[in-house]
Amino acid sequence: MNMIVAEPAQKAAAIPANAAALRCRMIEETDRDAVVALLCKGFSGRSEAHWRRGLERHIARGVPDGVPRYGYLLERDGAVVGVLLTLYTRIEDGAGSHLRCNLSSWYVEPAVRAAATLLDGRAMRDKSVTYLNISPTVHTRAMHRARGFRAYADGQLLAAPALSRIRRGQRVETLADANLALLPPREQAIARDHAGYGCLVLVCREGNAAQAVVLQPHRIKALPRWSASPTLPCYQLVYGPAGETLGRWLGALGRHLLFRHGIPLLFLDANGPMPGVVGRYIHDRAPRYAKGPHPVPVGDLSYTEQVLFGE
């Protein structure tokens, strides 16, 4: 889901005179209908079912203790006039246990748009959390950089992975009970959950080692400059190995996608062309931003708006 936010707060004239009537607070369960209605208004290309499905997925997987259940809203005279979703995930990695939060679906009514930063200011008060913005619109990126966000992936690599080298001993299998058990515990949960979100989950096996790769169905215009262009199916990597390790597996992954699923193209978050990968790097296409103490692996979009809400 592309994040569409309000016009940059710095371009607004000033905090509205009736700002004292605005209240910024956590979204409660009883606010869901009003929040969904505002999101439908602010993101007119998305249906009510789209928002309800994403929120249900988010809550069903459990929210870490001590964080907002849904996010924050702006309220004026009892009406919801602004919203920012906070999608929290607890990360267990070599750095220990820490929180990652995807800030998503930021919308504020035009009449109070100058107060939009009350929402993200409130949402980002905990400096121990790493915050993500994976779909900033072009006109808000300078504002996000000024608020401390930095791009950890500058663009996208549209790859034809079947043309990459395949290495002896590599096996790629569709997720099943037998190979699920070979994955580390955290990857088992990621694999199960994301298969339930409609993603294609693959298990890459080499010797006794196994790792999960999660791909989201996607479509790309065959002729990008033509508005009526037909679209082609492809996949977006949303979880898997990064860097050189990913490069080692692209050949085997590409052949599996081509011969088992008939899909030759794969989008990868990237910072430039990858050695040995046939494809086109597109700078500034869907850049990913982060702010906080823990680096985010390039390509890790697990449990973000990308998969919870879908495209």
C-alpha atoms as a PDB file:
ATOM      1  CA  MET A   1       0.000   0.000   0.000  1.00  0.00           C
ATOM      2  CA  ASN A   2       1.411   3.377  -0.956  1.00  0.00           C
ATOM      3  CA  MET A   3       1.259   5.776   1.943  1.00  0.00           C
ATOM      4  CA  ILE A   4      -0.547   9.008   1.043  1.00  0.00           C
ATOM      5  CA  VAL A   5      -0.161  11.703   3.646  1.00  0.00           C
ATOM      6  CA  ALA A   6      -1.476  15.186   3.994  1.00  0.00           C
ATOM      7  CA  GLU A   7       0.252  18.198   2.470  1.00  0.00           C
ATOM      8  CA  PRO A   8       3.471  18.941   4.379  1.00  0.00           C
ATOM      9  CA  ALA A   9       2.793  20.674   7.641  1.00  0.00           C
ATOM     10  CA  GLN A  10       5.530  23.224   7.011  1.00  0.00           C
ATOM     11  CA  LYS A  11       3.615  24.532   3.996  1.00  0.00           C
ATOM     12  CA  ALA A  12       0.530  25.291   6.048  1.00  0.00           C
ATOM     13  CA  ALA A  13       0.083  28.848   7.274  1.00  0.00           C
ATOM     14  CA  ALA A  14       0.078  28.150  11.002  1.00  0.00           C
ATOM     15  CA  ILE A  15      -1.457  26.015  13.698  1.00  0.00           C
ATOM     16  CA  PRO A  16      -5.195  26.767  13.407  1.00  0.00           C
ATOM     17  CA  ALA A  17      -6.690  29.250  15.831  1.00  0.00           C
ATOM     18  CA  ASN A  18      -8.972  26.562  17.219  1.00  0.00           C
ATOM     19  CA  ALA A  19      -6.050  24.214  17.943  1.00  0.00           C
ATOM     20  CA  ALA A  20      -7.003  24.176  21.618  1.00  0.00           C
ATOM     21  CA  ALA A  21     -10.126  22.271  20.609  1.00  0.00           C
ATOM     22  CA  LEU A  22      -7.985  19.509  19.092  1.00  0.00           C
ATOM     23  CA  ARG A  23      -7.191  16.437  21.141  1.00  0.00           C
ATOM     24  CA  CYS A  24      -4.498  13.920  20.207  1.00  0.00           C
ATOM     25  CA  ARG A  25      -5.000  10.522  21.813  1.00  0.00           C
ATOM     26  CA  MET A  26      -4.598   6.783  21.275  1.00  0.00           C
ATOM     27  CA  ILE A  27      -7.108   5.029  19.050  1.00  0.00           C
ATOM     28  CA  GLU A  28      -9.446   2.859  21.120  1.00  0.00           C
ATOM     29  CA  GLU A  29     -11.468  -0.144  19.996  1.00  0.00           C
ATOM     30  CA  THR A  30     -14.619   1.991  19.960  1.00  0.00           C
ATOM     31  CA  ASP A  31     -12.975   4.377  17.453  1.00  0.00           C
ATOM     32  CA  ARG A  32     -12.487   1.777  14.717  1.00  0.00           C
ATOM     33  CA  ASP A  33     -15.574   2.659  12.684  1.00  0.00           C
ATOM     34  CA  ALA A  34     -14.759   6.387  12.725  1.00  0.00           C
ATOM     35  CA  VAL A  35     -11.107   5.738  11.881  1.00  0.00           C
ATOM     36  CA  VAL A  36     -12.030   3.473   8.965  1.00  0.00           C
ATOM     37  CA  ALA A  37     -14.470   6.096   7.666  1.00  0.00           C
ATOM     38  CA  LEU A  38     -11.767   8.792   7.761  1.00  0.00           C
ATOM     39  CA  LEU A  39      -9.231   6.522   6.047  1.00  0.00           C
ATOM     40  CA  CYS A  40     -11.759   5.779   3.291  1.00  0.00           C
ATOM     41  CA  LYS A  41     -12.207   9.529   2.842  1.00  0.00           C
ATOM     42  CA  GLY A  42      -8.499  10.327   2.847  1.00  0.00           C
ATOM     43  CA  PHE A  43      -7.421   7.396   0.660  1.00  0.00           C
ATOM     44  CA  SER A  44     -10.265   7.302  -1.829  1.00  0.00           C
ATOM     45  CA  GLY A  45      -8.757   4.459  -3.847  1.00  0.00           C
ATOM     46  CA  ARG A  46      -9.091   2.060  -0.900  1.00  0.00           C
ATOM     47  CA  SER A  47     -12.316   0.357   0.140  1.00  0.00           C
ATOM     48  CA  GLU A  48     -13.747  -0.041   3.625  1.00  0.00           C
ATOM     49  CA  ALA A  49     -13.030  -3.780   3.360  1.00  0.00           C
ATOM     50  CA  HIS A  50      -9.368  -2.997   2.641  1.00  0.00           C
ATOM     51  CA  TRP A  51      -8.959  -1.079   5.893  1.00  0.00           C
ATOM     52  CA  ARG A  52     -10.967  -3.475   8.034  1.00  0.00           C
ATOM     53  CA  ARG A  53      -9.042  -6.488   6.742  1.00  0.00           C
ATOM     54  CA  GLY A  54      -5.686  -4.853   7.477  1.00  0.00           C
ATOM     55  CA  LEU A  55      -6.663  -3.799  10.989  1.00  0.00           C
ATOM     56  CA  GLU A  56      -8.010  -7.283  11.740  1.00  0.00           C
ATOM     57  CA  ARG A  57      -4.755  -8.858  10.565  1.00  0.00           C
ATOM     58  CA  HIS A  58      -2.761  -6.442  12.690  1.00  0.00           C
ATOM     59  CA  ILE A  59      -4.709  -7.185  15.861  1.00  0.00           C
ATOM     60  CA  ALA A  60      -4.959 -10.935  15.253  1.00  0.00           C
ATOM     61  CA  ARG A  61      -1.184 -11.393  15.417  1.00  0.00           C
ATOM     62  CA  GLY A  62      -0.949  -9.689  18.797  1.00  0.00           C
ATOM     63  CA  VAL A  63       0.439  -6.294  19.792  1.00  0.00           C
ATOM     64  CA  PRO A  64       3.536  -5.994  22.031  1.00  0.00           C
ATOM     65  CA  ASP A  65       2.881  -4.903  25.608  1.00  0.00           C
ATOM     66  CA  GLY A  66       2.930  -1.203  26.383  1.00  0.00           C
ATOM     67  CA  VAL A  67       2.355   0.181  22.872  1.00  0.00           C
ATOM     68  CA  PRO A  68      -0.740   1.617  21.179  1.00  0.00           C
ATOM     69  CA  ARG A  69      -3.104  -1.020  19.823  1.00  0.00           C
ATOM     70  CA  TYR A  70      -3.850   0.868  16.604  1.00  0.00           C
ATOM     71  CA  GLY A  71      -2.153   4.258  16.691  1.00  0.00           C
ATOM     72  CA  TYR A  72      -3.227   7.843  17.309  1.00  0.00           C
ATOM     73  CA  LEU A  73      -6.032  10.127  16.229  1.00  0.00           C
ATOM     74  CA  LEU A  74      -6.874  13.804  16.267  1.00  0.00           C
ATOM     75  CA  GLU A  75     -10.304  14.625  17.631  1.00  0.00           C
ATOM     76  CA  ARG A  76     -12.253  17.884  17.391  1.00  0.00           C
ATOM     77  CA  ASP A  77     -15.665  18.332  18.989  1.00  0.00           C
ATOM     78  CA  GLY A  78     -16.027  14.569  19.236  1.00  0.00           C
ATOM     79  CA  ALA A  79     -15.230  13.944  15.560  1.00  0.00           C
ATOM     80  CA  VAL A  80     -12.135  12.132  14.292  1.00  0.00           C
ATOM     81  CA  VAL A  81     -10.261  14.547  11.990  1.00  0.00           C
ATOM     82  CA  GLY A  82      -6.826  12.922  11.795  1.00  0.00           C
ATOM     83  CA  VAL A  83      -5.268   9.475  12.053  1.00  0.00           C
ATOM     84  CA  LEU A  84      -1.853   7.802  12.090  1.00  0.00           C
ATOM     85  CA  LEU A  85      -1.581   4.025  12.417  1.00  0.00           C
ATOM     86  CA  THR A  86       1.317   2.514  14.368  1.00  0.00           C
ATOM     87  CA  LEU A  87       2.043  -1.106  13.402  1.00  0.00           C
ATOM     88  CA  TYR A  88       4.403  -2.485  16.056  1.00  0.00           C
ATOM     89  CA  THR A  89       6.515  -5.639  15.813  1.00  0.00           C
ATOM     90  CA  ARG A  90       8.920  -7.087  18.359  1.00  0.00           C
ATOM     91  CA  ILE A  91      12.193  -8.031  16.668  1.00  0.00           C
ATOM     92  CA  GLU A  92      14.480 -10.769  18.022  1.00  0.00           C
ATOM     93  CA  ASP A  93      17.906 -10.679  16.392  1.00  0.00           C
ATOM     94  CA  GLY A  94      21.607 -10.503  17.144  1.00  0.00           C
ATOM     95  CA  ALA A  95      21.061  -7.149  18.864  1.00  0.00           C
ATOM     96  CA  GLY A  96      18.559  -8.696  21.286  1.00  0.00           C
ATOM     97  CA  SER A  97      14.885  -7.838  21.601  1.00  0.00           C
ATOM     98  CA  HIS A  98      13.630  -4.478  20.387  1.00  0.00           C
ATOM     99  CA  LEU A  99      10.587  -2.788  18.866  1.00  0.00           C
ATOM    100  CA  ARG A 100      10.029  -1.723  15.286  1.00  0.00           C
ATOM    101  CA  CYS A 101       7.061   0.485  14.362  1.00  0.00           C
ATOM    102  CA  ASN A 102       5.693   1.082  10.872  1.00  0.00           C
ATOM    103  CA  LEU A 103       4.041   4.527  10.789  1.00  0.00           C
ATOM    104  CA  SER A 104       1.242   4.156   8.272  1.00  0.00           C
ATOM    105  CA  SER A 105      -1.779   5.808   6.694  1.00  0.00           C
ATOM    106  CA  TRP A 106      -1.274   9.352   7.964  1.00  0.00           C
ATOM    107  CA  TYR A 107      -4.233  11.542   7.051  1.00  0.00           C
ATOM    108  CA  VAL A 108      -5.546  14.806   8.506  1.00  0.00           C
ATOM    109  CA  GLU A 109      -8.572  16.807   7.392  1.00  0.00           C
ATOM    110  CA  PRO A 110      -7.600  19.959   5.421  1.00  0.00           C
ATOM    111  CA  ALA A 111      -9.108  22.338   7.984  1.00  0.00           C
ATOM    112  CA  VAL A 112      -6.675  21.163  10.685  1.00  0.00           C
ATOM    113  CA  ARG A 113      -3.804  19.992   8.503  1.00  0.00           C
ATOM    114  CA  ALA A 114      -1.354  22.407  10.108  1.00  0.00           C
ATOM    115  CA  ALA A 115      -1.642  20.292  13.258  1.00  0.00           C
ATOM    116  CA  ALA A 116      -0.728  17.054  11.442  1.00  0.00           C
ATOM    117  CA  THR A 117       2.673  16.778  13.121  1.00  0.00           C
ATOM    118  CA  LEU A 118       0.967  16.411  16.501  1.00  0.00           C
ATOM    119  CA  LEU A 119       0.273  12.839  15.434  1.00  0.00           C
ATOM    120  CA  ASP A 120       3.745  11.694  14.450  1.00  0.00           C
ATOM    121  CA  GLY A 121       5.322  13.729  17.252  1.00  0.00           C
ATOM    122  CA  ARG A 122       3.197  11.797  19.732  1.00  0.00           C
ATOM    123  CA  ALA A 123       3.809   8.491  17.958  1.00  0.00           C
ATOM    124  CA  MET A 124       7.623   8.823  17.977  1.00  0.00           C
ATOM    125  CA  ARG A 125       8.259   9.779  21.594  1.00  0.00           C
ATOM    126  CA  ASP A 126       9.969   6.492  22.513  1.00  0.00           C
ATOM    127  CA  LYS A 127      13.582   6.833  21.347  1.00  0.00           C
ATOM    128  CA  SER A 128      14.297   3.121  21.873  1.00  0.00           C
ATOM    129  CA  VAL A 129      11.941   2.202  19.004  1.00  0.00           C
ATOM    130  CA  THR A 130      12.981   2.089  15.346  1.00  0.00           C
ATOM    131  CA  TYR A 131      10.314   3.777  13.204  1.00  0.00           C
ATOM    132  CA  LEU A 132       9.649   2.952   9.560  1.00  0.00           C
ATOM    133  CA  ASN A 133       7.995   4.918   6.806  1.00  0.00           C
ATOM    134  CA  ILE A 134       7.930   2.603   3.805  1.00  0.00           C
ATOM    135  CA  SER A 135       5.646   4.610   1.519  1.00  0.00           C
ATOM    136  CA  PRO A 136       6.311   8.355   1.840  1.00  0.00           C
ATOM    137  CA  THR A 137       4.892  10.445  -0.975  1.00  0.00           C
ATOM    138  CA  VAL A 138       7.350  12.611  -2.889  1.00  0.00           C
ATOM    139  CA  HIS A 139       6.163  15.912  -1.409  1.00  0.00           C
ATOM    140  CA  THR A 140       6.664  14.712   2.196  1.00  0.00           C
ATOM    141  CA  ARG A 141      10.151  13.194   1.947  1.00  0.00           C
ATOM    142  CA  ALA A 142      12.018  16.397   2.779  1.00  0.00           C
ATOM    143  CA  MET A 143       9.829  16.810   5.857  1.00  0.00           C
ATOM    144  CA  HIS A 144      10.582  13.262   6.999  1.00  0.00           C
ATOM    145  CA  ARG A 145      14.321  13.785   6.496  1.00  0.00           C
ATOM    146  CA  ALA A 146      14.114  16.973   8.562  1.00  0.00           C
ATOM    147  CA  ARG A 147      12.490  14.920  11.326  1.00  0.00           C
ATOM    148  CA  GLY A 148      15.380  12.458  11.412  1.00  0.00           C
ATOM    149  CA  PHE A 149      14.356   9.762   8.933  1.00  0.00           C
ATOM    150  CA  ARG A 150      16.961   8.392   6.537  1.00  0.00           C
ATOM    151  CA  ALA A 151      16.496   6.222   3.473  1.00  0.00           C
ATOM    152  CA  TYR A 152      17.808   2.711   4.084  1.00  0.00           C
ATOM    153  CA  ALA A 153      16.685   1.637   0.594  1.00  0.00           C
ATOM    154  CA  ASP A 154      16.841   4.347  -2.075  1.00  0.00           C
ATOM    155  CA  GLY A 155      14.846   2.549  -4.746  1.00  0.00           C
ATOM    156  CA  GLN A 156      13.850  -0.727  -6.360  1.00  0.00           C
ATOM    157  CA  LEU A 157      15.647  -3.279  -8.482  1.00  0.00           C
ATOM    158  CA  LEU A 158      13.399  -4.943 -11.053  1.00  0.00           C
ATOM    159  CA  ALA A 159      15.227  -8.236 -11.535  1.00  0.00           C
ATOM    160  CA  ALA A 160      14.963 -11.209 -13.860  1.00  0.00           C
ATOM    161  CA  PRO A 161      16.362 -13.631 -11.275  1.00  0.00           C
ATOM    162  CA  ALA A 162      16.183 -16.760 -13.440  1.00  0.00           C
ATOM    163  CA  LEU A 163      19.105 -15.312 -15.422  1.00  0.00           C
ATOM    164  CA  SER A 164      21.342 -15.264 -12.347  1.00  0.00           C
ATOM    165  CA  ARG A 165      23.762 -18.066 -11.594  1.00  0.00           C
ATOM    166  CA  ILE A 166      22.433 -21.097  -9.722  1.00  0.00           C
ATOM    167  CA  ARG A 167      24.747 -22.890  -7.305  1.00  0.00           C
ATOM    168  CA  ARG A 168      25.078 -26.622  -6.813  1.00  0.00           C
ATOM    169  CA  GLY A 169      23.188 -27.980  -3.814  1.00  0.00           C
ATOM    170  CA  GLN A 170      20.611 -25.182  -3.603  1.00  0.00           C
ATOM    171  CA  ARG A 171      16.950 -26.191  -3.350  1.00  0.00           C
ATOM    172  CA  VAL A 172      13.890 -23.930  -3.326  1.00  0.00           C
ATOM    173  CA  GLU A 173      10.596 -25.402  -2.126  1.00  0.00           C
ATOM    174  CA  THR A 174       7.112 -24.056  -1.570  1.00  0.00           C
ATOM    175  CA  LEU A 175       6.259 -23.882   2.143  1.00  0.00           C
ATOM    176  CA  ALA A 176       4.903 -27.144   3.580  1.00  0.00           C
ATOM    177  CA  ASP A 177       4.702 -28.703   7.042  1.00  0.00           C
ATOM    178  CA  ALA A 178       7.885 -30.706   6.471  1.00  0.00           C
ATOM    179  CA  ASN A 179      10.125 -27.787   5.534  1.00  0.00           C
ATOM    180  CA  LEU A 180       8.432 -25.348   7.930  1.00  0.00           C
ATOM    181  CA  ALA A 181       9.932 -27.354  10.787  1.00  0.00           C
ATOM    182  CA  LEU A 182      13.434 -26.740   9.390  1.00  0.00           C
ATOM    183  CA  LEU A 183      13.177 -22.964   9.846  1.00  0.00           C
ATOM    184  CA  PRO A 184      14.270 -21.069  12.971  1.00  0.00           C
ATOM    185  CA  PRO A 185      11.308 -20.419  15.337  1.00  0.00           C
ATOM    186  CA  ARG A 186      10.888 -16.730  14.439  1.00  0.00           C
ATOM    187  CA  GLU A 187      10.958 -17.523  10.720  1.00  0.00           C
ATOM    188  CA  GLN A 188       8.363 -20.237  11.261  1.00  0.00           C
ATOM    189  CA  ALA A 189       5.986 -17.605  12.632  1.00  0.00           C
ATOM    190  CA  ILE A 190       6.769 -15.197   9.789  1.00  0.00           C
ATOM    191  CA  ALA A 191       6.221 -17.955   7.223  1.00  0.00           C
ATOM    192  CA  ARG A 192       2.863 -19.054   8.666  1.00  0.00           C
ATOM    193  CA  ASP A 193       1.551 -15.535   9.151  1.00  0.00           C
ATOM    194  CA  HIS A 194       2.542 -14.224   5.741  1.00  0.00           C
ATOM    195  CA  ALA A 195       1.179 -17.267   3.945  1.00  0.00           C
ATOM    196  CA  GLY A 196      -2.105 -16.322   5.632  1.00  0.00           C
ATOM    197  CA  TYR A 197      -1.787 -12.792   4.221  1.00  0.00           C
ATOM    198  CA  GLY A 198      -1.719 -14.172   0.682  1.00  0.00           C
ATOM    199  CA  CYS A 199       2.048 -14.139   0.168  1.00  0.00           C
ATOM    200  CA  LEU A 200       4.042 -16.858  -1.555  1.00  0.00           C
ATOM    201  CA  VAL A 201       6.388 -18.373   1.023  1.00  0.00           C
ATOM    202  CA  LEU A 202       9.403 -20.354  -0.157  1.00  0.00           C
ATOM    203  CA  VAL A 203      12.015 -22.281   1.798  1.00  0.00           C
ATOM    204  CA  CYS A 204      15.604 -22.113   0.560  1.00  0.00           C
ATOM    205  CA  ARG A 205      17.603 -25.199   1.553  1.00  0.00           C
ATOM    206  CA  GLU A 206      21.322 -25.830   1.306  1.00  0.00           C
ATOM    207  CA  GLY A 207      22.811 -28.697   3.272  1.00  0.00           C
ATOM    208  CA  ASN A 208      21.263 -28.633   6.739  1.00  0.00           C
ATOM    209  CA  ALA A 209      20.449 -24.914   6.586  1.00  0.00           C
ATOM    210  CA  ALA A 210      17.044 -23.490   5.683  1.00  0.00           C
ATOM    211  CA  GLN A 211      15.724 -19.938   5.424  1.00  0.00           C
ATOM    212  CA  ALA A 212      12.393 -18.423   4.467  1.00  0.00           C
ATOM    213  CA  VAL A 213      11.710 -16.098   1.553  1.00  0.00           C
ATOM    214  CA  VAL A 214       8.386 -14.257   1.440  1.00  0.00           C
ATOM    215  CA  LEU A 215       7.090 -12.771  -1.804  1.00  0.00           C
ATOM    216  CA  GLN A 216       4.012 -10.624  -2.305  1.00  0.00           C
ATOM    217  CA  PRO A 217       2.080 -10.783  -5.589  1.00  0.00           C
ATOM    218  CA  HIS A 218       2.441  -7.516  -7.493  1.00  0.00           C
ATOM    219  CA  ARG A 219       1.690  -6.122 -10.943  1.00  0.00           C
ATOM    220  CA  ILE A 220       3.720  -3.746 -13.091  1.00  0.00           C
ATOM    221  CA  LYS A 221       2.741  -1.750 -16.153  1.00  0.00           C
ATOM    222  CA  ALA A 222       4.134  -3.235 -19.353  1.00  0.00           C
ATOM    223  CA  LEU A 223       4.422   0.320 -20.759  1.00  0.00           C
ATOM    224  CA  PRO A 224       4.954   2.642 -17.758  1.00  0.00           C
ATOM    225  CA  ARG A 225       4.415   5.879 -19.708  1.00  0.00           C
ATOM    226  CA  TRP A 226       1.012   4.776 -21.027  1.00  0.00           C
ATOM    227  CA  SER A 227      -1.830   5.198 -18.523  1.00  0.00           C
ATOM    228  CA  ALA A 228      -3.883   2.449 -20.173  1.00  0.00           C
ATOM    229  CA  SER A 229      -0.982   0.011 -20.303  1.00  0.00           C
ATOM    230  CA  PRO A 230      -1.695  -3.654 -19.587  1.00  0.00           C
ATOM    231  CA  THR A 231      -0.026  -4.999 -16.466  1.00  0.00           C
ATOM    232  CA  LEU A 232       2.292  -7.941 -15.950  1.00  0.00           C
ATOM    233  CA  PRO A 233       2.414 -10.177 -12.860  1.00  0.00           C
ATOM    234  CA  CYS A 234       5.545 -10.153 -10.722  1.00  0.00           C
ATOM    235  CA  TYR A 235       6.516 -10.455  -7.067  1.00  0.00           C
ATOM    236  CA  GLN A 236       7.874  -8.082  -4.411  1.00  0.00           C
ATOM    237  CA  LEU A 237      10.354  -9.455  -1.879  1.00  0.00           C
ATOM    238  CA  VAL A 238       8.995  -8.669   1.601  1.00  0.00           C
ATOM    239  CA  TYR A 239      11.229 -10.932   3.687  1.00  0.00           C
ATOM    240  CA  GLY A 240      14.356 -12.958   3.033  1.00  0.00           C
ATOM    241  CA  PRO A 241      18.138 -12.906   3.038  1.00  0.00           C
ATOM    242  CA  ALA A 242      19.825  -9.588   2.299  1.00  0.00           C
ATOM    243  CA  GLY A 243      22.906  -8.426   0.437  1.00  0.00           C
ATOM    244  CA  GLU A 244      25.337 -11.034  -0.864  1.00  0.00           C
ATOM    245  CA  THR A 245      23.310 -13.888   0.613  1.00  0.00           C
ATOM    246  CA  LEU A 246      20.271 -12.827  -1.393  1.00  0.00           C
ATOM    247  CA  GLY A 247      22.435 -12.551  -4.501  1.00  0.00           C
ATOM    248  CA  ARG A 248      23.595 -16.149  -4.026  1.00  0.00           C
ATOM    249  CA  TRP A 249      20.006 -17.382  -4.024  1.00  0.00           C
ATOM    250  CA  LEU A 250      18.470 -15.331  -6.825  1.00  0.00           C
ATOM    251  CA  GLY A 251      19.241 -17.858  -9.556  1.00  0.00           C
ATOM    252  CA  ALA A 252      17.538 -20.725  -7.722  1.00  0.00           C
ATOM    253  CA  LEU A 253      14.641 -18.497  -6.659  1.00  0.00           C
ATOM    254  CA  GLY A 254      14.210 -17.178 -10.183  1.00  0.00           C
ATOM    255  CA  ARG A 255      14.044 -20.622 -11.740  1.00  0.00           C
ATOM    256  CA  HIS A 256      11.474 -21.740  -9.169  1.00  0.00           C
ATOM    257  CA  LEU A 257       9.324 -18.672  -9.863  1.00  0.00           C
ATOM    258  CA  LEU A 258       9.603 -19.070 -13.616  1.00  0.00           C
ATOM    259  CA  PHE A 259       9.049 -22.825 -13.915  1.00  0.00           C
ATOM    260  CA  ARG A 260       6.585 -23.338 -11.044  1.00  0.00           C
ATOM    261  CA  HIS A 261       4.643 -20.076 -11.156  1.00  0.00           C
ATOM    262  CA  GLY A 262       5.314 -18.615 -14.596  1.00  0.00           C
ATOM    263  CA  ILE A 263       6.628 -15.355 -13.108  1.00  0.00           C
ATOM    264  CA  PRO A 264       9.927 -13.999 -14.515  1.00  0.00           C
ATOM    265  CA  LEU A 265      10.189 -10.663 -12.650  1.00  0.00           C
ATOM    266  CA  LEU A 266      10.930  -9.759  -9.043  1.00  0.00           C
ATOM    267  CA  PHE A 267      11.076  -6.366  -7.303  1.00  0.00           C
ATOM    268  CA  LEU A 268      13.754  -5.947  -4.635  1.00  0.00           C
ATOM    269  CA  ASP A 269      14.367  -3.050  -2.270  1.00  0.00           C
ATOM    270  CA  ALA A 270      17.846  -1.843  -3.207  1.00  0.00           C
ATOM    271  CA  ASN A 271      20.417   0.944  -3.116  1.00  0.00           C
ATOM    272  CA  GLY A 272      21.718   0.324  -6.613  1.00  0.00           C
ATOM    273  CA  PRO A 273      22.388  -2.469  -9.100  1.00  0.00           C
ATOM    274  CA  MET A 274      23.445  -5.816  -7.608  1.00  0.00           C
ATOM    275  CA  PRO A 275      26.498  -7.662  -8.969  1.00  0.00           C
ATOM    276  CA  GLY A 276      25.507 -10.675 -11.030  1.00  0.00           C
ATOM    277  CA  VAL A 277      21.826  -9.725 -11.149  1.00  0.00           C
ATOM    278  CA  VAL A 278      20.172  -9.011 -14.486  1.00  0.00           C
ATOM    279  CA  GLY A 279      17.717  -6.183 -14.049  1.00  0.00           C
ATOM    280  CA  ARG A 280      17.079  -2.463 -13.902  1.00  0.00           C
ATOM    281  CA  TYR A 281      17.636  -0.327 -10.830  1.00  0.00           C
ATOM    282  CA  ILE A 282      15.001   2.415 -10.447  1.00  0.00           C
ATOM    283  CA  HIS A 283      16.232   5.142  -8.121  1.00  0.00           C
ATOM    284  CA  ASP A 284      13.579   6.826  -5.953  1.00  0.00           C
ATOM    285  CA  ARG A 285      10.925   4.210  -6.705  1.00  0.00           C
ATOM    286  CA  ALA A 286       9.298   3.198  -3.392  1.00  0.00           C
ATOM    287  CA  PRO A 287      12.202   4.277  -1.148  1.00  0.00           C
ATOM    288  CA  ARG A 288      12.096   3.044   2.450  1.00  0.00           C
ATOM    289  CA  TYR A 289      12.860   5.328   5.390  1.00  0.00           C
ATOM    290  CA  ALA A 290      13.752   4.554   9.004  1.00  0.00           C
ATOM    291  CA  LYS A 291      14.586   6.424  12.190  1.00  0.00           C
ATOM    292  CA  GLY A 292      15.925   4.869  15.366  1.00  0.00           C
ATOM    293  CA  PRO A 293      18.716   2.884  17.001  1.00  0.00           C
ATOM    294  CA  HIS A 294      18.432  -0.443  15.154  1.00  0.00           C
ATOM    295  CA  PRO A 295      19.263  -0.809  11.445  1.00  0.00           C
ATOM    296  CA  VAL A 296      16.538  -2.336   9.282  1.00  0.00           C
ATOM    297  CA  PRO A 297      17.681  -5.061   6.860  1.00  0.00           C
ATOM    298  CA  VAL A 298      17.065  -4.029   3.259  1.00  0.00           C
ATOM    299  CA  GLY A 299      14.116  -6.042   1.975  1.00  0.00           C
ATOM    300  CA  ASP A 300      12.507  -6.781   5.355  1.00  0.00           C
ATOM    301  CA  LEU A 301       8.901  -5.578   5.070  1.00  0.00           C
ATOM    302  CA  SER A 302       7.445  -8.283   7.304  1.00  0.00           C
ATOM    303  CA  TYR A 303       4.366  -7.271   9.285  1.00  0.00           C
ATOM    304  CA  THR A 304       4.283  -3.824   7.669  1.00  0.00           C
ATOM    305  CA  GLU A 305       1.411  -2.131   5.846  1.00  0.00           C
ATOM    306  CA  GLN A 306       2.771  -3.697   2.652  1.00  0.00           C
ATOM    307  CA  VAL A 307       1.529  -7.123   3.707  1.00  0.00           C
ATOM    308  CA  LEU A 308      -1.086  -6.412   6.396  1.00  0.00           C
ATOM    309  CA  PHE A 309      -3.165  -4.174   4.149  1.00  0.00           C
ATOM    310  CA  GLY A 310      -1.923  -5.400   0.790  1.00  0.00           C
ATOM    311  CA  GLU A 311      -1.847  -3.394  -2.411  1.00  0.00           C
END
